N, C-alpha and C. Protein backbone atom coordinates (compact mmCIF):
# COMPACT_ATOMS: atom_id res chain seq x y z
N MET A 1 0.81 -1.21 0.00
CA MET A 1 0.00 0.00 0.00
C MET A 1 0.85 1.27 0.00
N GLU A 2 2.06 1.16 0.50
CA GLU A 2 2.95 2.31 0.61
C GLU A 2 3.14 3.03 -0.72
N LYS A 3 3.21 2.29 -1.82
CA LYS A 3 3.48 2.93 -3.12
C LYS A 3 2.32 3.80 -3.58
N PHE A 4 1.12 3.57 -3.04
CA PHE A 4 -0.06 4.28 -3.52
C PHE A 4 -0.29 5.64 -2.87
N ILE A 5 0.46 5.95 -1.81
CA ILE A 5 0.21 7.21 -1.10
C ILE A 5 1.51 8.01 -1.02
N PRO A 6 1.66 9.01 -1.90
CA PRO A 6 2.86 9.86 -1.82
C PRO A 6 2.85 10.65 -0.51
N ARG A 7 4.02 10.88 0.04
CA ARG A 7 4.15 11.56 1.32
C ARG A 7 4.83 12.92 1.16
N ARG A 8 4.24 13.91 1.80
CA ARG A 8 4.83 15.25 1.82
C ARG A 8 6.24 15.13 2.44
N GLY A 9 7.16 15.85 1.88
CA GLY A 9 8.54 15.77 2.37
C GLY A 9 9.35 14.72 1.64
N ARG A 10 8.67 13.81 0.95
CA ARG A 10 9.36 12.76 0.18
C ARG A 10 8.86 12.71 -1.26
N THR A 11 8.21 13.81 -1.71
CA THR A 11 7.58 13.83 -3.04
C THR A 11 8.02 15.06 -3.82
N ALA A 12 8.25 14.85 -5.11
CA ALA A 12 8.57 15.95 -6.04
C ALA A 12 7.63 15.85 -7.24
N LEU A 13 7.35 16.99 -7.84
CA LEU A 13 6.54 17.07 -9.06
C LEU A 13 7.47 17.33 -10.23
N LEU A 14 7.27 16.61 -11.31
CA LEU A 14 8.04 16.81 -12.53
C LEU A 14 7.09 17.24 -13.64
N VAL A 15 7.34 18.42 -14.22
CA VAL A 15 6.54 18.95 -15.32
C VAL A 15 7.39 18.77 -16.58
N ILE A 16 6.96 17.88 -17.45
CA ILE A 16 7.77 17.45 -18.59
C ILE A 16 7.34 18.14 -19.89
N ASP A 17 8.19 18.97 -20.43
CA ASP A 17 8.14 19.45 -21.82
C ASP A 17 6.80 20.04 -22.29
N VAL A 18 6.22 20.91 -21.50
CA VAL A 18 4.96 21.55 -21.91
C VAL A 18 5.35 22.80 -22.71
N GLN A 19 5.70 22.59 -23.97
CA GLN A 19 6.33 23.61 -24.79
C GLN A 19 5.45 24.05 -25.95
N GLU A 20 5.73 25.27 -26.41
CA GLU A 20 4.91 25.95 -27.42
C GLU A 20 4.67 25.12 -28.68
N ARG A 21 5.72 24.62 -29.31
CA ARG A 21 5.54 23.94 -30.60
C ARG A 21 4.89 22.57 -30.44
N LEU A 22 5.12 21.92 -29.31
CA LEU A 22 4.40 20.68 -29.04
C LEU A 22 2.93 20.98 -28.80
N ALA A 23 2.67 22.02 -28.02
CA ALA A 23 1.30 22.39 -27.68
C ALA A 23 0.48 22.75 -28.91
N ALA A 24 1.11 23.33 -29.90
CA ALA A 24 0.39 23.80 -31.09
C ALA A 24 -0.27 22.66 -31.87
N VAL A 25 0.22 21.44 -31.74
CA VAL A 25 -0.33 20.32 -32.52
C VAL A 25 -1.29 19.46 -31.70
N LEU A 26 -1.63 19.90 -30.50
CA LEU A 26 -2.51 19.13 -29.62
C LEU A 26 -3.93 19.67 -29.66
N ASP A 27 -4.87 18.84 -29.25
CA ASP A 27 -6.25 19.27 -29.10
C ASP A 27 -6.28 20.40 -28.07
N GLN A 28 -6.70 21.59 -28.48
CA GLN A 28 -6.58 22.79 -27.64
C GLN A 28 -7.47 22.77 -26.41
N ALA A 29 -8.66 22.21 -26.50
CA ALA A 29 -9.54 22.13 -25.32
C ALA A 29 -8.94 21.18 -24.28
N TRP A 30 -8.47 20.05 -24.75
CA TRP A 30 -7.83 19.07 -23.86
C TRP A 30 -6.58 19.69 -23.24
N LEU A 31 -5.77 20.36 -24.05
CA LEU A 31 -4.55 21.00 -23.57
C LEU A 31 -4.86 22.02 -22.48
N ARG A 32 -5.89 22.84 -22.67
CA ARG A 32 -6.25 23.84 -21.64
C ARG A 32 -6.53 23.16 -20.30
N ASN A 33 -7.27 22.06 -20.33
CA ASN A 33 -7.55 21.33 -19.09
C ASN A 33 -6.27 20.79 -18.45
N VAL A 34 -5.40 20.25 -19.27
CA VAL A 34 -4.13 19.71 -18.76
C VAL A 34 -3.29 20.83 -18.14
N VAL A 35 -3.18 21.95 -18.81
CA VAL A 35 -2.39 23.07 -18.29
C VAL A 35 -2.99 23.60 -16.99
N VAL A 36 -4.30 23.70 -16.91
CA VAL A 36 -4.95 24.13 -15.66
C VAL A 36 -4.60 23.16 -14.53
N ASN A 37 -4.61 21.87 -14.82
CA ASN A 37 -4.27 20.89 -13.79
C ASN A 37 -2.80 20.96 -13.40
N ILE A 38 -1.93 21.24 -14.35
CA ILE A 38 -0.52 21.42 -14.01
C ILE A 38 -0.34 22.67 -13.14
N GLN A 39 -1.02 23.75 -13.49
CA GLN A 39 -0.98 24.96 -12.66
C GLN A 39 -1.45 24.64 -11.24
N ARG A 40 -2.54 23.91 -11.15
CA ARG A 40 -3.09 23.52 -9.84
C ARG A 40 -2.05 22.73 -9.04
N MET A 41 -1.37 21.81 -9.71
CA MET A 41 -0.35 21.02 -9.02
C MET A 41 0.83 21.88 -8.59
N LEU A 42 1.26 22.78 -9.45
CA LEU A 42 2.38 23.66 -9.08
C LEU A 42 2.02 24.53 -7.88
N GLN A 43 0.81 25.07 -7.87
CA GLN A 43 0.37 25.87 -6.73
C GLN A 43 0.27 25.01 -5.48
N GLY A 44 -0.28 23.82 -5.62
CA GLY A 44 -0.41 22.93 -4.48
C GLY A 44 0.93 22.49 -3.91
N MET A 45 1.88 22.21 -4.78
CA MET A 45 3.20 21.81 -4.30
C MET A 45 3.85 22.94 -3.52
N GLU A 46 3.64 24.17 -3.99
CA GLU A 46 4.17 25.33 -3.27
C GLU A 46 3.53 25.44 -1.88
N VAL A 47 2.20 25.31 -1.81
CA VAL A 47 1.49 25.36 -0.53
C VAL A 47 2.00 24.28 0.42
N LEU A 48 2.24 23.10 -0.12
CA LEU A 48 2.63 21.95 0.70
C LEU A 48 4.13 21.87 0.96
N GLY A 49 4.89 22.76 0.35
CA GLY A 49 6.34 22.78 0.57
C GLY A 49 7.08 21.65 -0.13
N CYS A 50 6.52 21.18 -1.25
CA CYS A 50 7.15 20.10 -2.02
C CYS A 50 7.80 20.69 -3.27
N PRO A 51 8.95 20.15 -3.67
CA PRO A 51 9.64 20.70 -4.83
C PRO A 51 8.98 20.33 -6.16
N ALA A 52 9.22 21.19 -7.15
CA ALA A 52 8.78 20.94 -8.52
C ALA A 52 9.96 21.22 -9.44
N ILE A 53 10.03 20.46 -10.52
CA ILE A 53 11.10 20.59 -11.52
C ILE A 53 10.44 20.64 -12.88
N LEU A 54 10.94 21.52 -13.75
CA LEU A 54 10.39 21.67 -15.09
C LEU A 54 11.47 21.27 -16.09
N THR A 55 11.07 20.54 -17.14
CA THR A 55 12.01 20.21 -18.20
C THR A 55 11.54 20.79 -19.52
N GLU A 56 12.50 21.00 -20.41
CA GLU A 56 12.21 21.44 -21.76
C GLU A 56 13.02 20.59 -22.72
N GLN A 57 12.34 19.97 -23.67
CA GLN A 57 12.97 19.14 -24.69
C GLN A 57 13.44 20.04 -25.83
N TYR A 58 14.74 20.08 -26.06
CA TYR A 58 15.32 20.83 -27.18
C TYR A 58 14.57 22.15 -27.42
N PRO A 59 14.66 23.10 -26.50
CA PRO A 59 13.88 24.34 -26.61
C PRO A 59 14.17 25.17 -27.87
N ARG A 60 15.36 25.06 -28.44
CA ARG A 60 15.63 25.79 -29.69
C ARG A 60 14.71 25.33 -30.80
N GLY A 61 14.36 24.06 -30.79
CA GLY A 61 13.49 23.51 -31.83
C GLY A 61 12.02 23.49 -31.44
N LEU A 62 11.73 23.23 -30.16
CA LEU A 62 10.34 23.05 -29.72
C LEU A 62 9.78 24.26 -28.98
N GLY A 63 10.60 25.29 -28.82
CA GLY A 63 10.12 26.49 -28.16
C GLY A 63 10.19 26.42 -26.65
N ALA A 64 9.80 27.50 -26.03
CA ALA A 64 9.82 27.62 -24.57
C ALA A 64 8.58 26.95 -23.97
N THR A 65 8.58 26.87 -22.67
CA THR A 65 7.41 26.41 -21.93
C THR A 65 6.24 27.33 -22.27
N VAL A 66 5.03 26.77 -22.37
CA VAL A 66 3.85 27.55 -22.75
C VAL A 66 3.65 28.74 -21.81
N ALA A 67 3.07 29.80 -22.34
CA ALA A 67 2.91 31.05 -21.60
C ALA A 67 2.19 30.87 -20.26
N ASP A 68 1.19 30.01 -20.21
CA ASP A 68 0.41 29.85 -18.98
C ASP A 68 1.21 29.22 -17.84
N LEU A 69 2.38 28.69 -18.14
CA LEU A 69 3.24 28.11 -17.09
C LEU A 69 4.50 28.92 -16.85
N GLN A 70 4.71 29.97 -17.65
CA GLN A 70 5.93 30.77 -17.54
C GLN A 70 6.11 31.38 -16.15
N LEU A 71 5.04 31.83 -15.53
CA LEU A 71 5.11 32.45 -14.21
C LEU A 71 5.75 31.52 -13.18
N PHE A 72 5.54 30.23 -13.32
CA PHE A 72 6.04 29.26 -12.35
C PHE A 72 7.52 28.96 -12.51
N ARG A 73 8.09 29.28 -13.66
CA ARG A 73 9.49 28.97 -13.94
C ARG A 73 10.45 29.53 -12.89
N GLN A 74 10.13 30.70 -12.36
CA GLN A 74 11.04 31.35 -11.41
C GLN A 74 11.14 30.60 -10.08
N ASN A 75 10.17 29.74 -9.80
CA ASN A 75 10.14 29.04 -8.51
C ASN A 75 10.68 27.63 -8.55
N MET A 76 11.27 27.22 -9.68
CA MET A 76 11.75 25.85 -9.76
C MET A 76 12.90 25.73 -10.73
N PRO A 77 13.69 24.66 -10.58
CA PRO A 77 14.75 24.44 -11.56
C PRO A 77 14.14 24.12 -12.93
N VAL A 78 14.78 24.63 -13.98
CA VAL A 78 14.38 24.32 -15.35
C VAL A 78 15.55 23.59 -16.00
N MET A 79 15.30 22.37 -16.46
CA MET A 79 16.36 21.55 -17.03
C MET A 79 16.09 21.32 -18.51
N GLU A 80 17.07 21.66 -19.34
CA GLU A 80 16.96 21.40 -20.77
C GLU A 80 17.48 20.01 -21.06
N LYS A 81 16.87 19.36 -22.06
CA LYS A 81 17.27 17.99 -22.37
C LYS A 81 17.15 17.71 -23.86
N MET A 82 17.81 16.65 -24.27
CA MET A 82 17.72 16.16 -25.64
C MET A 82 17.09 14.77 -25.67
N ALA A 83 17.43 13.94 -24.68
CA ALA A 83 16.86 12.59 -24.60
C ALA A 83 15.38 12.70 -24.24
N PHE A 84 14.60 11.74 -24.69
CA PHE A 84 13.18 11.75 -24.34
C PHE A 84 12.97 11.56 -22.84
N SER A 85 13.67 10.62 -22.23
CA SER A 85 13.57 10.42 -20.79
C SER A 85 14.30 11.54 -20.07
N CYS A 86 13.67 12.06 -19.04
CA CYS A 86 14.30 13.10 -18.23
C CYS A 86 15.47 12.55 -17.43
N CYS A 87 15.60 11.24 -17.36
CA CYS A 87 16.66 10.62 -16.57
C CYS A 87 17.92 10.37 -17.38
N ARG A 88 17.88 10.55 -18.68
CA ARG A 88 19.00 10.16 -19.53
C ARG A 88 20.12 11.20 -19.60
N ASP A 89 19.80 12.45 -19.85
CA ASP A 89 20.87 13.43 -19.98
C ASP A 89 20.72 14.61 -19.01
N LEU A 90 19.98 14.38 -17.96
CA LEU A 90 19.82 15.39 -16.91
C LEU A 90 20.31 14.82 -15.59
N PRO A 91 20.71 15.67 -14.68
CA PRO A 91 21.09 15.19 -13.34
C PRO A 91 19.85 14.96 -12.47
N LEU A 92 18.74 14.56 -13.10
CA LEU A 92 17.46 14.47 -12.40
C LEU A 92 17.48 13.46 -11.26
N VAL A 93 17.96 12.26 -11.51
CA VAL A 93 17.93 11.23 -10.47
C VAL A 93 18.77 11.68 -9.27
N ALA A 94 19.93 12.28 -9.53
CA ALA A 94 20.76 12.79 -8.44
C ALA A 94 20.04 13.92 -7.69
N ASP A 95 19.34 14.78 -8.43
CA ASP A 95 18.58 15.87 -7.81
C ASP A 95 17.47 15.31 -6.92
N LEU A 96 16.77 14.29 -7.40
CA LEU A 96 15.71 13.67 -6.60
C LEU A 96 16.29 13.02 -5.35
N GLN A 97 17.45 12.39 -5.50
CA GLN A 97 18.13 11.77 -4.35
C GLN A 97 18.48 12.83 -3.31
N ARG A 98 19.02 13.95 -3.76
CA ARG A 98 19.39 15.06 -2.86
C ARG A 98 18.17 15.58 -2.12
N ARG A 99 17.04 15.61 -2.80
CA ARG A 99 15.80 16.12 -2.19
C ARG A 99 15.07 15.04 -1.37
N ASP A 100 15.62 13.83 -1.33
CA ASP A 100 14.98 12.69 -0.65
C ASP A 100 13.58 12.43 -1.21
N ALA A 101 13.45 12.58 -2.54
CA ALA A 101 12.16 12.40 -3.20
C ALA A 101 11.99 10.95 -3.63
N GLU A 102 11.36 10.20 -2.76
CA GLU A 102 11.06 8.79 -3.04
C GLU A 102 9.92 8.68 -4.06
N TYR A 103 8.98 9.62 -4.00
CA TYR A 103 7.81 9.65 -4.88
C TYR A 103 7.99 10.76 -5.92
N VAL A 104 7.64 10.47 -7.16
CA VAL A 104 7.70 11.48 -8.21
C VAL A 104 6.34 11.51 -8.91
N LEU A 105 5.72 12.68 -8.94
CA LEU A 105 4.46 12.89 -9.63
C LEU A 105 4.79 13.41 -11.02
N LEU A 106 4.27 12.76 -12.06
CA LEU A 106 4.58 13.14 -13.42
C LEU A 106 3.41 13.85 -14.09
N THR A 107 3.73 14.96 -14.76
CA THR A 107 2.79 15.71 -15.59
C THR A 107 3.50 16.07 -16.88
N GLY A 108 2.74 16.48 -17.90
CA GLY A 108 3.38 17.00 -19.10
C GLY A 108 3.00 16.29 -20.38
N MET A 109 3.93 16.38 -21.35
CA MET A 109 3.67 15.85 -22.67
C MET A 109 4.93 15.25 -23.27
N GLU A 110 4.82 14.36 -24.15
CA GLU A 110 3.65 13.59 -24.49
C GLU A 110 3.64 12.32 -23.66
N THR A 111 2.46 11.88 -23.28
CA THR A 111 2.27 10.75 -22.39
C THR A 111 3.00 9.50 -22.87
N HIS A 112 2.92 9.23 -24.16
CA HIS A 112 3.46 7.98 -24.69
C HIS A 112 4.93 8.07 -25.11
N VAL A 113 5.55 9.24 -24.95
CA VAL A 113 6.96 9.39 -25.33
C VAL A 113 7.77 9.80 -24.10
N CYS A 114 7.89 11.08 -23.85
CA CYS A 114 8.76 11.57 -22.77
C CYS A 114 8.26 11.19 -21.38
N VAL A 115 6.95 11.27 -21.17
CA VAL A 115 6.42 10.90 -19.85
C VAL A 115 6.63 9.40 -19.62
N LEU A 116 6.31 8.59 -20.60
CA LEU A 116 6.48 7.13 -20.49
C LEU A 116 7.94 6.76 -20.24
N GLN A 117 8.84 7.27 -21.06
CA GLN A 117 10.25 6.89 -20.92
C GLN A 117 10.83 7.36 -19.59
N THR A 118 10.40 8.53 -19.14
CA THR A 118 10.84 9.03 -17.83
C THR A 118 10.31 8.13 -16.71
N ALA A 119 9.03 7.77 -16.80
CA ALA A 119 8.44 6.89 -15.78
C ALA A 119 9.19 5.57 -15.69
N LEU A 120 9.48 4.97 -16.84
CA LEU A 120 10.17 3.68 -16.84
C LEU A 120 11.56 3.80 -16.22
N ASP A 121 12.28 4.87 -16.54
CA ASP A 121 13.62 5.05 -15.96
C ASP A 121 13.54 5.35 -14.46
N LEU A 122 12.56 6.14 -14.04
CA LEU A 122 12.41 6.41 -12.60
C LEU A 122 12.07 5.14 -11.84
N LEU A 123 11.19 4.34 -12.39
CA LEU A 123 10.85 3.06 -11.76
C LEU A 123 12.09 2.17 -11.65
N ALA A 124 12.89 2.12 -12.71
CA ALA A 124 14.12 1.32 -12.70
C ALA A 124 15.12 1.83 -11.67
N ALA A 125 15.06 3.14 -11.38
CA ALA A 125 15.94 3.75 -10.39
C ALA A 125 15.39 3.62 -8.96
N GLY A 126 14.25 2.94 -8.81
CA GLY A 126 13.69 2.70 -7.49
C GLY A 126 12.74 3.75 -6.97
N ARG A 127 12.34 4.69 -7.82
CA ARG A 127 11.38 5.71 -7.39
C ARG A 127 9.96 5.17 -7.48
N ARG A 128 9.08 5.73 -6.68
CA ARG A 128 7.65 5.42 -6.74
C ARG A 128 7.01 6.49 -7.60
N VAL A 129 6.47 6.09 -8.73
CA VAL A 129 6.00 7.02 -9.76
C VAL A 129 4.47 7.08 -9.77
N HIS A 130 3.95 8.30 -9.73
CA HIS A 130 2.52 8.55 -9.87
C HIS A 130 2.34 9.42 -11.11
N VAL A 131 1.56 8.95 -12.06
CA VAL A 131 1.29 9.69 -13.28
C VAL A 131 -0.10 10.29 -13.13
N LEU A 132 -0.18 11.60 -13.23
CA LEU A 132 -1.46 12.29 -13.05
C LEU A 132 -2.16 12.36 -14.40
N GLN A 133 -3.10 11.45 -14.61
CA GLN A 133 -3.70 11.28 -15.93
C GLN A 133 -4.44 12.51 -16.45
N ASP A 134 -4.88 13.38 -15.55
CA ASP A 134 -5.54 14.60 -16.00
C ASP A 134 -4.55 15.75 -16.21
N ALA A 135 -3.25 15.45 -16.08
CA ALA A 135 -2.21 16.46 -16.28
C ALA A 135 -1.13 15.99 -17.25
N VAL A 136 -1.47 14.98 -18.06
CA VAL A 136 -0.60 14.52 -19.15
C VAL A 136 -1.43 14.46 -20.42
N ILE A 137 -0.75 14.57 -21.56
CA ILE A 137 -1.46 14.65 -22.83
C ILE A 137 -0.60 14.09 -23.95
N SER A 138 -1.25 13.59 -24.99
CA SER A 138 -0.61 13.15 -26.23
C SER A 138 -1.40 13.72 -27.40
N ARG A 139 -0.84 13.57 -28.59
CA ARG A 139 -1.56 14.06 -29.78
C ARG A 139 -2.86 13.30 -30.00
N THR A 140 -2.89 12.00 -29.64
CA THR A 140 -4.12 11.23 -29.80
C THR A 140 -4.50 10.57 -28.48
N ARG A 141 -5.78 10.33 -28.33
CA ARG A 141 -6.26 9.64 -27.12
C ARG A 141 -5.74 8.20 -27.07
N ASP A 142 -5.58 7.57 -28.23
CA ASP A 142 -5.05 6.20 -28.25
C ASP A 142 -3.64 6.15 -27.69
N ASN A 143 -2.78 7.07 -28.12
CA ASN A 143 -1.42 7.10 -27.60
C ASN A 143 -1.40 7.45 -26.12
N TRP A 144 -2.25 8.38 -25.70
CA TRP A 144 -2.36 8.75 -24.28
C TRP A 144 -2.74 7.53 -23.44
N ARG A 145 -3.78 6.83 -23.89
CA ARG A 145 -4.26 5.65 -23.18
C ARG A 145 -3.20 4.55 -23.14
N ALA A 146 -2.55 4.30 -24.28
CA ALA A 146 -1.52 3.25 -24.34
C ALA A 146 -0.34 3.61 -23.43
N GLY A 147 0.05 4.88 -23.42
CA GLY A 147 1.14 5.30 -22.53
C GLY A 147 0.79 5.07 -21.07
N LEU A 148 -0.43 5.44 -20.68
CA LEU A 148 -0.87 5.22 -19.30
C LEU A 148 -0.89 3.74 -18.95
N GLU A 149 -1.39 2.92 -19.87
CA GLU A 149 -1.46 1.48 -19.61
C GLU A 149 -0.07 0.87 -19.47
N LEU A 150 0.86 1.28 -20.33
CA LEU A 150 2.24 0.77 -20.22
C LEU A 150 2.87 1.17 -18.90
N MET A 151 2.64 2.40 -18.46
CA MET A 151 3.20 2.84 -17.18
C MET A 151 2.59 2.07 -16.02
N ARG A 152 1.28 1.86 -16.06
CA ARG A 152 0.63 1.08 -15.00
C ARG A 152 1.18 -0.35 -14.98
N ASP A 153 1.31 -0.96 -16.16
CA ASP A 153 1.85 -2.32 -16.24
C ASP A 153 3.27 -2.40 -15.68
N ALA A 154 4.03 -1.32 -15.82
CA ALA A 154 5.41 -1.30 -15.34
C ALA A 154 5.51 -1.01 -13.84
N GLY A 155 4.39 -0.62 -13.22
CA GLY A 155 4.40 -0.40 -11.77
C GLY A 155 4.09 1.01 -11.32
N ALA A 156 3.83 1.92 -12.26
CA ALA A 156 3.45 3.29 -11.88
C ALA A 156 2.01 3.31 -11.39
N VAL A 157 1.72 4.25 -10.53
CA VAL A 157 0.36 4.48 -10.06
C VAL A 157 -0.26 5.54 -10.97
N ILE A 158 -1.43 5.26 -11.53
CA ILE A 158 -2.14 6.23 -12.34
C ILE A 158 -3.14 6.92 -11.42
N SER A 159 -3.02 8.23 -11.34
CA SER A 159 -3.80 9.00 -10.38
C SER A 159 -4.33 10.27 -11.04
N THR A 160 -4.79 11.22 -10.24
CA THR A 160 -5.25 12.51 -10.74
C THR A 160 -4.67 13.61 -9.85
N THR A 161 -4.80 14.84 -10.31
CA THR A 161 -4.27 15.96 -9.54
C THR A 161 -4.98 16.09 -8.18
N GLU A 162 -6.28 15.95 -8.18
CA GLU A 162 -7.01 16.10 -6.91
C GLU A 162 -6.65 14.99 -5.92
N ILE A 163 -6.55 13.77 -6.39
CA ILE A 163 -6.14 12.67 -5.51
C ILE A 163 -4.77 12.96 -4.93
N ALA A 164 -3.82 13.34 -5.78
CA ALA A 164 -2.45 13.59 -5.32
C ALA A 164 -2.40 14.71 -4.29
N LEU A 165 -3.11 15.80 -4.55
CA LEU A 165 -3.08 16.92 -3.62
C LEU A 165 -3.64 16.53 -2.25
N PHE A 166 -4.75 15.81 -2.23
CA PHE A 166 -5.32 15.43 -0.94
C PHE A 166 -4.52 14.32 -0.25
N GLN A 167 -3.86 13.46 -1.02
CA GLN A 167 -2.98 12.48 -0.39
C GLN A 167 -1.80 13.19 0.29
N LEU A 168 -1.24 14.18 -0.38
CA LEU A 168 -0.14 14.92 0.21
C LEU A 168 -0.59 15.78 1.39
N GLN A 169 -1.81 16.28 1.34
CA GLN A 169 -2.35 17.11 2.42
C GLN A 169 -2.58 16.28 3.68
N GLU A 170 -3.12 15.09 3.55
CA GLU A 170 -3.34 14.11 4.61
C GLU A 170 -4.41 14.44 5.64
N THR A 171 -4.66 15.71 5.94
CA THR A 171 -5.59 16.03 7.01
C THR A 171 -6.29 17.36 6.74
N SER A 172 -7.43 17.55 7.38
CA SER A 172 -8.14 18.82 7.26
C SER A 172 -7.84 19.69 8.48
N GLY A 173 -8.45 20.86 8.51
CA GLY A 173 -8.33 21.72 9.68
C GLY A 173 -7.05 22.53 9.74
N THR A 174 -6.33 22.65 8.63
CA THR A 174 -5.10 23.43 8.62
C THR A 174 -5.21 24.53 7.56
N ALA A 175 -4.29 25.48 7.64
CA ALA A 175 -4.26 26.55 6.63
C ALA A 175 -4.00 25.97 5.25
N SER A 176 -3.10 24.98 5.16
CA SER A 176 -2.81 24.40 3.85
C SER A 176 -4.03 23.64 3.30
N PHE A 177 -4.82 23.02 4.17
CA PHE A 177 -6.03 22.33 3.71
C PHE A 177 -6.98 23.32 3.05
N LYS A 178 -7.14 24.48 3.64
CA LYS A 178 -8.03 25.49 3.06
C LYS A 178 -7.54 25.92 1.69
N GLN A 179 -6.23 26.09 1.54
CA GLN A 179 -5.65 26.50 0.27
C GLN A 179 -5.79 25.39 -0.78
N ILE A 180 -5.55 24.17 -0.38
CA ILE A 180 -5.67 23.03 -1.32
C ILE A 180 -7.14 22.88 -1.73
N SER A 181 -8.05 23.01 -0.80
CA SER A 181 -9.49 22.91 -1.13
C SER A 181 -9.90 23.94 -2.16
N LYS A 182 -9.37 25.16 -2.03
CA LYS A 182 -9.70 26.20 -3.02
C LYS A 182 -9.14 25.87 -4.38
N LEU A 183 -7.97 25.24 -4.43
CA LEU A 183 -7.36 24.90 -5.72
C LEU A 183 -8.19 23.90 -6.52
N VAL A 184 -8.85 22.98 -5.83
CA VAL A 184 -9.56 21.91 -6.54
C VAL A 184 -11.02 22.25 -6.85
N LYS A 185 -11.48 23.40 -6.39
CA LYS A 185 -12.87 23.80 -6.66
C LYS A 185 -13.03 24.29 -8.07
């Protein structure tokens, strides 16, 4: 049961490659929902005192992080990469180790490429991976679904932003509970 409940103080959020040129080829209504959920997670992680990390895949070719997430860049490390997996050419695993992040919450794009490959590498490195299905996206629903199924089969927990936020919150009656409750309304 331990793998199903991320713990505050041992959890980090990873926002993978939510970039302009990738975003331009996605279903825009679906993308808006995903970006809102990523914003919600970034705000929640700040309230809960949990770290967040942002990656950008080849930004010279794929552009910067989308405008709706630019504000959050100042509050977290931004790592540029060329490999699809965030674990291949970034010091990500070492950074997670330094932060004592046993649990990693995954958001971003595309579910069946960069998110999938990152999840598989994190699982191989012994991390407990939670993929927030309402905060990841692919060009097609089939690829999104297949990516989620492959991650679940490999041992990742498929969850949602609201589940993750309340699991990290753990209890009501606190100032952070009030803030988290407002985020999910």
